[in-house]
Amino acid sequence: MLLRAGAAPARLFAMSKATRIEGRGYSLTVLESPEGPLEFARSVADRLRRDPRWLDYKYLYDAAGSEIFDRITEQPEYYLTRTERSILAERAGEIRRAAGSTTLVELGSGSSDKTRLLLEAWTAAGPTRYVPVDISRTALESACAGLASSFPDLAIDGIAGSFEDALPRIAGHSPQTLLFLGSSIGNMNVVERAAFFAAASRSLSPGDSLVLGLDLVKDPVRLEAAYDDEAGWSALFTKNLFVRMNRELGTAIPIDAIEHVAYYNDRRERIEIYAEFGRAVTIDLLGSGRSFRIAPRERLRTEISRKFRVDRMSRELAKHGFERVRCDLDPEADFAVLTLRRVLQAGPALPT
């Protein structure tokens, strides 16, 4: 939920300022981007100048957006969370044995609900340290407090910030296992994904592990239903991005003009999510002097969710120095949890 094509590599992983906070049973490092709140407005302006237009999906996850996403994961159409949970419930001990005695570092930890299954396996084998990373400080503090109560012997050191700001800081946690669950890697396009794997590879030492959740290619009808639930939480998630723009950037976007659209692009094997405007709208970014007209029925892409094939992804990861150790699937092969080890040399540049 954080990398965007076209961003300068030096900026992607620049070190941010940090403030440390001590909670009851946990500590929290709050990272602040060097550019502060101006980055949001700059991101919106930059992407609205492009053709086609799109918005950076990481801004979907403010406090309200994170809460809405939690509701999405509970919907009957959204199979991803419960399927991944079932794999972890059955295989957590085996994943722990494959990874060894390591610090658990999780990107996009959210409520850390599924992670409890892994934490139980890790703590059963001895003292454990957990480093959850999430862009929502509110969600992170709540999760850390709950885990501290449930796992009194677990050392918890959370990082509130974006992945690109957090990744350079995790190198000192080896031996470690980096968790990236929920198929969040699907939110990144090809360029972003390569940048992410390269950064993860740099941050891990040989022998460290990466546990990666992948949603697999399947029936488009099921996929589209998962991202457009009948209860309307997916639509609310999309609209909340514009609620946030109105609140933080001073825009006056009529939320009732926005329709949520989700469809499966079978050529690119990904879900594409758009905000479609039912009437002409002008987006004025106050303080920047920039104004953008959105035509009736124009769509702004707010998110993608790529679906994967295990062998193809394994080859892609090998190019970044990751060797597949385990592949755990549910009985219907809807979802995969890959356990990978960081090796000394990257593999050959195989086609993906």
Protein backbone atom coordinates (compact mmCIF):
# COMPACT_ATOMS: atom_id res chain seq x y z
CA MET A 1 0.00 0.00 0.00
CA LEU A 2 2.68 2.36 -0.74
CA LEU A 3 4.83 2.33 -3.84
CA ARG A 4 3.87 4.18 -7.00
CA ALA A 5 5.38 3.95 -10.44
CA GLY A 6 7.24 7.05 -11.53
CA ALA A 7 8.45 8.04 -8.07
CA ALA A 8 12.16 8.72 -7.75
CA PRO A 9 13.97 5.71 -6.21
CA ALA A 10 15.94 7.98 -3.89
CA ARG A 11 12.70 9.36 -2.45
CA LEU A 12 11.03 5.96 -2.15
CA PHE A 13 13.33 4.87 0.64
CA ALA A 14 14.51 8.16 2.18
CA MET A 15 14.92 8.05 5.95
CA SER A 16 12.10 9.79 7.80
CA LYS A 17 12.02 11.54 11.16
CA ALA A 18 11.00 9.37 14.10
CA THR A 19 9.33 9.84 17.48
CA ARG A 20 9.36 7.01 20.02
CA ILE A 21 6.36 6.42 22.28
CA GLU A 22 6.14 3.97 25.18
CA GLY A 23 2.82 2.21 25.71
CA ARG A 24 1.78 -0.36 28.30
CA GLY A 25 3.67 -3.47 27.24
CA TYR A 26 4.82 -2.13 23.88
CA SER A 27 6.77 0.65 22.23
CA LEU A 28 5.90 2.58 19.09
CA THR A 29 8.08 4.48 16.66
CA VAL A 30 6.08 7.08 14.72
CA LEU A 31 7.67 7.99 11.39
CA GLU A 32 6.95 11.29 9.71
CA SER A 33 7.63 11.77 6.03
CA PRO A 34 10.27 14.45 5.29
CA GLU A 35 7.64 16.23 3.18
CA GLY A 36 4.88 16.06 5.78
CA PRO A 37 1.20 16.58 4.82
CA LEU A 38 2.15 18.38 1.60
CA GLU A 39 3.00 14.98 0.11
CA PHE A 40 -0.70 14.03 -0.07
CA ALA A 41 -1.63 17.14 -2.06
CA ARG A 42 1.41 16.75 -4.30
CA SER A 43 0.53 13.10 -4.94
CA VAL A 44 -3.05 13.96 -5.91
CA ALA A 45 -1.97 16.78 -8.22
CA ASP A 46 0.70 14.66 -9.90
CA ARG A 47 -1.64 11.76 -10.64
CA LEU A 48 -4.56 13.89 -11.80
CA ARG A 49 -2.27 15.38 -14.44
CA ARG A 50 -1.69 11.93 -15.97
CA ASP A 51 -3.61 10.09 -18.65
CA PRO A 52 -5.23 7.88 -17.54
CA ARG A 53 -5.75 9.45 -14.13
CA TRP A 54 -5.35 7.54 -10.89
CA LEU A 55 -4.78 8.11 -7.18
CA ASP A 56 -2.25 6.52 -4.84
CA TYR A 57 -3.89 3.68 -2.95
CA LYS A 58 -1.89 4.22 0.24
CA TYR A 59 -4.13 7.21 1.04
CA LEU A 60 -7.12 4.88 1.32
CA TYR A 61 -5.79 3.83 4.73
CA ASP A 62 -6.44 6.66 7.14
CA ALA A 63 -8.02 5.70 10.48
CA ALA A 64 -11.53 5.54 8.98
CA GLY A 65 -10.32 3.68 5.89
CA SER A 66 -8.55 1.07 8.00
CA GLU A 67 -11.73 0.46 10.00
CA ILE A 68 -13.78 0.15 6.82
CA PHE A 69 -11.29 -2.31 5.37
CA ASP A 70 -11.63 -4.46 8.49
CA ARG A 71 -15.38 -4.61 7.80
CA ILE A 72 -14.68 -5.62 4.18
CA THR A 73 -12.65 -8.60 5.35
CA GLU A 74 -15.68 -9.84 7.33
CA GLN A 75 -18.03 -9.90 4.33
CA PRO A 76 -19.11 -13.28 2.90
CA GLU A 77 -17.87 -12.34 -0.57
CA TYR A 78 -14.37 -11.49 0.67
CA TYR A 79 -12.82 -14.96 0.89
CA LEU A 80 -9.19 -13.80 1.10
CA THR A 81 -8.88 -13.20 4.84
CA ARG A 82 -10.67 -16.31 6.05
CA THR A 83 -8.86 -18.50 3.50
CA GLU A 84 -5.43 -17.19 4.46
CA ARG A 85 -6.39 -17.57 8.13
CA SER A 86 -7.30 -21.23 7.57
CA ILE A 87 -3.86 -21.86 6.02
CA LEU A 88 -2.08 -20.17 8.91
CA ALA A 89 -4.20 -22.02 11.48
CA GLU A 90 -3.14 -25.34 9.98
CA ARG A 91 0.44 -24.56 9.01
CA ALA A 92 1.76 -21.93 11.47
CA GLY A 93 3.91 -24.44 13.34
CA GLU A 94 5.48 -25.74 10.14
CA ILE A 95 6.14 -22.22 8.90
CA ARG A 96 7.81 -21.44 12.23
CA ARG A 97 10.06 -24.50 11.94
CA ALA A 98 11.02 -23.52 8.40
CA ALA A 99 11.82 -19.92 9.40
CA GLY A 100 13.57 -20.76 12.67
CA SER A 101 13.93 -18.64 15.80
CA THR A 102 13.52 -15.13 14.42
CA THR A 103 12.02 -11.72 15.09
CA LEU A 104 8.67 -11.36 13.30
CA VAL A 105 8.40 -8.14 11.29
CA GLU A 106 5.04 -7.52 9.60
CA LEU A 107 4.28 -4.96 6.91
CA GLY A 108 0.70 -3.68 6.77
CA SER A 109 -0.09 -5.37 10.09
CA GLY A 110 -3.50 -3.69 10.60
CA SER A 111 -5.30 -5.39 13.49
CA SER A 112 -2.67 -8.21 13.57
CA ASP A 113 -5.58 -10.61 13.90
CA LYS A 114 -4.33 -13.38 11.58
CA THR A 115 -0.81 -12.83 12.88
CA ARG A 116 -1.87 -14.12 16.30
CA LEU A 117 -1.77 -17.63 14.79
CA LEU A 118 1.88 -17.15 13.89
CA LEU A 119 2.67 -15.44 17.19
CA GLU A 120 1.27 -18.42 19.05
CA ALA A 121 3.58 -20.72 17.09
CA TRP A 122 6.58 -18.43 17.57
CA THR A 123 6.07 -17.82 21.31
CA ALA A 124 5.45 -21.52 21.95
CA ALA A 125 9.07 -22.09 20.90
CA GLY A 126 10.53 -19.38 23.14
CA PRO A 127 10.79 -15.61 23.69
CA THR A 128 9.80 -13.64 20.59
CA ARG A 129 9.97 -10.10 19.33
CA TYR A 130 7.27 -8.69 17.02
CA VAL A 131 7.66 -5.55 14.92
CA PRO A 132 4.30 -4.59 13.33
CA VAL A 133 4.40 -1.86 10.67
CA ASP A 134 1.26 0.01 9.61
CA ILE A 135 0.51 3.38 8.04
CA SER A 136 -2.42 3.91 10.44
CA ARG A 137 -1.10 4.88 13.87
CA THR A 138 -4.57 4.45 15.40
CA ALA A 139 -4.92 0.87 14.14
CA LEU A 140 -1.36 0.06 15.16
CA GLU A 141 -1.71 1.36 18.72
CA SER A 142 -4.93 -0.61 19.20
CA ALA A 143 -3.35 -3.79 17.86
CA CYS A 144 -0.21 -3.41 19.99
CA ALA A 145 -2.24 -2.85 23.16
CA GLY A 146 -4.34 -5.96 22.47
CA LEU A 147 -1.31 -8.12 21.73
CA ALA A 148 0.50 -6.91 24.85
CA SER A 149 -2.46 -8.07 26.91
CA SER A 150 -2.66 -11.46 25.17
CA PHE A 151 1.09 -12.16 24.96
CA PRO A 152 2.70 -10.76 28.14
CA ASP A 153 6.12 -12.23 27.27
CA LEU A 154 6.13 -10.88 23.70
CA ALA A 155 8.38 -7.89 23.00
CA ILE A 156 6.40 -5.53 20.74
CA ASP A 157 8.08 -2.66 18.89
CA GLY A 158 5.63 -1.13 16.41
CA ILE A 159 6.47 1.25 13.57
CA ALA A 160 3.76 3.69 12.43
CA GLY A 161 4.62 4.72 8.90
CA SER A 162 4.66 3.72 5.25
CA PHE A 163 6.52 0.69 3.97
CA GLU A 164 9.07 2.78 2.09
CA ASP A 165 9.93 4.66 5.29
CA ALA A 166 9.96 1.55 7.47
CA LEU A 167 11.91 -0.90 5.30
CA PRO A 168 15.35 0.72 5.74
CA ARG A 169 14.86 0.46 9.52
CA ILE A 170 14.20 -3.27 9.72
CA ALA A 171 17.67 -4.39 8.66
CA GLY A 172 18.85 -4.37 12.27
CA HIS A 173 16.31 -7.00 13.35
CA SER A 174 18.03 -10.07 11.85
CA PRO A 175 17.59 -12.94 12.26
CA GLN A 176 14.08 -12.08 11.19
CA THR A 177 11.03 -13.25 9.29
CA LEU A 178 9.32 -10.55 7.24
CA LEU A 179 5.55 -11.04 6.93
CA PHE A 180 3.56 -9.55 4.08
CA LEU A 181 0.14 -11.15 4.29
CA GLY A 182 -3.31 -10.59 2.78
CA SER A 183 -1.99 -10.53 -0.80
CA SER A 184 -1.18 -6.85 -0.25
CA ILE A 185 1.59 -7.28 -2.82
CA GLY A 186 -1.23 -7.34 -5.39
CA ASN A 187 -1.80 -3.61 -4.87
CA MET A 188 1.50 -2.88 -6.62
CA ASN A 189 2.08 -2.78 -10.35
CA VAL A 190 5.08 -4.48 -11.98
CA VAL A 191 7.50 -1.60 -11.40
CA GLU A 192 6.39 -1.05 -7.82
CA ARG A 193 6.55 -4.75 -7.04
CA ALA A 194 10.12 -5.00 -8.34
CA ALA A 195 11.12 -1.96 -6.24
CA PHE A 196 9.50 -3.50 -3.17
CA PHE A 197 11.18 -6.90 -3.57
CA ALA A 198 14.54 -5.20 -4.16
CA ALA A 199 14.12 -3.13 -0.99
CA ALA A 200 13.02 -6.17 1.02
CA SER A 201 16.02 -8.09 -0.28
CA ARG A 202 18.36 -5.29 0.80
CA SER A 203 16.76 -5.15 4.24
CA LEU A 204 17.06 -8.89 4.90
CA SER A 205 20.25 -10.82 5.57
CA PRO A 206 21.07 -14.23 4.03
CA GLY A 207 19.14 -16.83 6.02
CA ASP A 208 16.28 -14.45 6.89
CA SER A 209 12.79 -15.38 5.71
CA LEU A 210 9.91 -13.79 3.86
CA VAL A 211 6.35 -15.09 4.33
CA LEU A 212 4.15 -13.82 1.52
CA GLY A 213 0.38 -14.19 1.10
CA LEU A 214 -0.84 -14.46 -2.50
CA ASP A 215 -4.37 -14.44 -3.87
CA LEU A 216 -4.41 -16.74 -6.89
CA VAL A 217 -6.04 -16.41 -10.32
CA LYS A 218 -9.62 -17.73 -10.26
CA ASP A 219 -13.17 -17.20 -11.55
CA PRO A 220 -13.66 -13.49 -12.37
CA VAL A 221 -17.21 -13.56 -10.97
CA ARG A 222 -15.89 -14.50 -7.51
CA LEU A 223 -13.14 -11.93 -7.76
CA GLU A 224 -15.44 -9.06 -8.71
CA ALA A 225 -17.89 -9.95 -5.93
CA ALA A 226 -15.07 -9.85 -3.37
CA TYR A 227 -14.32 -6.22 -4.28
CA ASP A 228 -17.92 -5.05 -4.58
CA ASP A 229 -19.72 -6.59 -1.62
CA GLU A 230 -23.48 -6.44 -1.36
CA ALA A 231 -23.36 -4.63 2.00
CA GLY A 232 -21.54 -1.70 0.39
CA TRP A 233 -18.35 -1.61 2.45
CA SER A 234 -16.13 -1.70 -0.64
CA ALA A 235 -17.96 1.30 -2.08
CA LEU A 236 -17.61 3.15 1.23
CA PHE A 237 -13.88 2.38 1.23
CA THR A 238 -13.47 4.02 -2.18
CA LYS A 239 -15.58 7.04 -1.24
CA ASN A 240 -13.67 7.54 2.01
CA LEU A 241 -10.60 8.53 0.00
CA PHE A 242 -12.49 11.57 -1.27
CA VAL A 243 -13.90 12.28 2.19
CA ARG A 244 -10.29 12.39 3.34
CA MET A 245 -9.34 14.75 0.49
CA ASN A 246 -12.14 17.11 1.47
CA ARG A 247 -11.03 17.05 5.09
CA GLU A 248 -7.25 17.26 4.66
CA LEU A 249 -6.80 19.05 1.33
CA GLY A 250 -9.70 21.50 1.43
CA THR A 251 -11.41 20.08 -1.65
CA ALA A 252 -15.20 20.15 -1.99
CA ILE A 253 -15.85 16.90 -3.86
CA PRO A 254 -19.53 15.86 -3.77
CA ILE A 255 -19.38 12.32 -2.41
CA ASP A 256 -22.84 11.52 -3.76
CA ALA A 257 -21.47 11.96 -7.30
CA ILE A 258 -19.08 9.02 -6.85
CA GLU A 259 -19.85 5.43 -7.83
CA HIS A 260 -17.61 2.50 -6.90
CA VAL A 261 -16.61 0.31 -9.89
CA ALA A 262 -14.62 -2.94 -9.62
CA TYR A 263 -13.90 -5.30 -12.49
CA TYR A 264 -11.43 -8.01 -13.42
CA ASN A 265 -8.96 -7.24 -16.19
CA ASP A 266 -8.26 -10.75 -17.48
CA ARG A 267 -5.37 -9.62 -19.69
CA ARG A 268 -3.47 -8.21 -16.72
CA GLU A 269 -4.95 -10.72 -14.25
CA ARG A 270 -5.95 -8.05 -11.78
CA ILE A 271 -8.96 -6.39 -10.22
CA GLU A 272 -9.16 -2.68 -11.06
CA ILE A 273 -11.13 -0.34 -8.80
CA TYR A 274 -12.35 3.06 -9.88
CA ALA A 275 -14.30 6.04 -8.61
CA GLU A 276 -16.71 6.91 -11.42
CA PHE A 277 -18.21 10.40 -11.35
CA GLY A 278 -21.89 10.65 -12.26
CA ARG A 279 -21.59 14.31 -13.13
CA ALA A 280 -18.92 16.89 -13.90
CA VAL A 281 -16.84 17.78 -10.84
CA THR A 282 -14.04 20.26 -10.28
CA ILE A 283 -11.33 19.34 -7.81
CA ASP A 284 -9.64 22.46 -6.42
CA LEU A 285 -6.54 21.79 -4.36
CA LEU A 286 -6.59 24.79 -2.07
CA GLY A 287 -3.23 26.36 -1.43
CA SER A 288 -1.69 24.82 -4.55
CA GLY A 289 -3.48 26.89 -7.17
CA ARG A 290 -4.31 23.72 -9.08
CA SER A 291 -7.73 22.79 -10.37
CA PHE A 292 -8.84 19.64 -12.19
CA ARG A 293 -12.10 19.05 -14.04
CA ILE A 294 -13.55 15.55 -13.94
CA ALA A 295 -15.92 14.86 -16.82
CA PRO A 296 -19.27 13.07 -16.40
CA ARG A 297 -18.72 9.27 -16.30
CA GLU A 298 -14.96 9.74 -16.03
CA ARG A 299 -13.18 7.19 -13.86
CA LEU A 300 -10.26 7.73 -11.49
CA ARG A 301 -8.46 4.50 -10.61
CA THR A 302 -8.03 4.18 -6.86
CA GLU A 303 -6.58 0.68 -6.50
CA ILE A 304 -5.50 -2.50 -8.24
CA SER A 305 -5.35 -6.04 -6.85
CA ARG A 306 -3.18 -8.36 -8.93
CA LYS A 307 -3.87 -12.10 -8.82
CA PHE A 308 -0.97 -14.52 -9.01
CA ARG A 309 0.32 -17.88 -10.22
CA VAL A 310 2.67 -19.56 -7.75
CA ASP A 311 5.38 -20.74 -10.14
CA ARG A 312 5.55 -17.42 -11.96
CA MET A 313 5.83 -15.49 -8.69
CA SER A 314 8.51 -17.87 -7.42
CA ARG A 315 10.61 -17.11 -10.51
CA GLU A 316 10.09 -13.40 -10.00
CA LEU A 317 11.20 -13.63 -6.38
CA ALA A 318 14.27 -15.67 -7.32
CA LYS A 319 15.55 -12.67 -9.29
CA HIS A 320 15.66 -10.76 -6.00
CA GLY A 321 17.49 -13.45 -4.05
CA PHE A 322 14.55 -15.36 -2.52
CA GLU A 323 14.38 -19.14 -2.60
CA ARG A 324 11.01 -20.81 -2.07
CA VAL A 325 11.03 -23.12 0.96
CA ARG A 326 7.31 -23.83 1.37
CA CYS A 327 4.08 -23.27 -0.51
CA ASP A 328 0.95 -23.79 1.59
CA LEU A 329 -2.42 -23.80 -0.17
CA ASP A 330 -6.03 -24.14 0.93
CA PRO A 331 -7.88 -27.23 -0.45
CA GLU A 332 -9.46 -25.22 -3.30
CA ALA A 333 -6.14 -23.53 -4.22
CA ASP A 334 -7.73 -20.09 -3.86
CA PHE A 335 -4.82 -18.67 -1.86
CA ALA A 336 -1.15 -19.42 -1.22
CA VAL A 337 1.22 -18.62 1.64
CA LEU A 338 4.83 -18.79 0.44
CA THR A 339 7.73 -19.15 2.83
CA LEU A 340 10.96 -17.97 1.23
CA ARG A 341 14.56 -17.70 2.37
CA ARG A 342 16.92 -14.87 1.50
CA VAL A 343 19.93 -16.47 -0.20
CA LEU A 344 23.35 -15.07 -1.03
CA GLN A 345 22.83 -14.63 -4.75
CA ALA A 346 19.82 -13.58 -6.78
CA GLY A 347 18.62 -16.17 -9.27
CA PRO A 348 18.69 -15.87 -13.05
CA ALA A 349 16.49 -13.29 -14.74
CA LEU A 350 13.72 -15.69 -15.71
CA PRO A 351 10.65 -14.36 -17.58
CA THR A 352 7.58 -13.56 -15.53
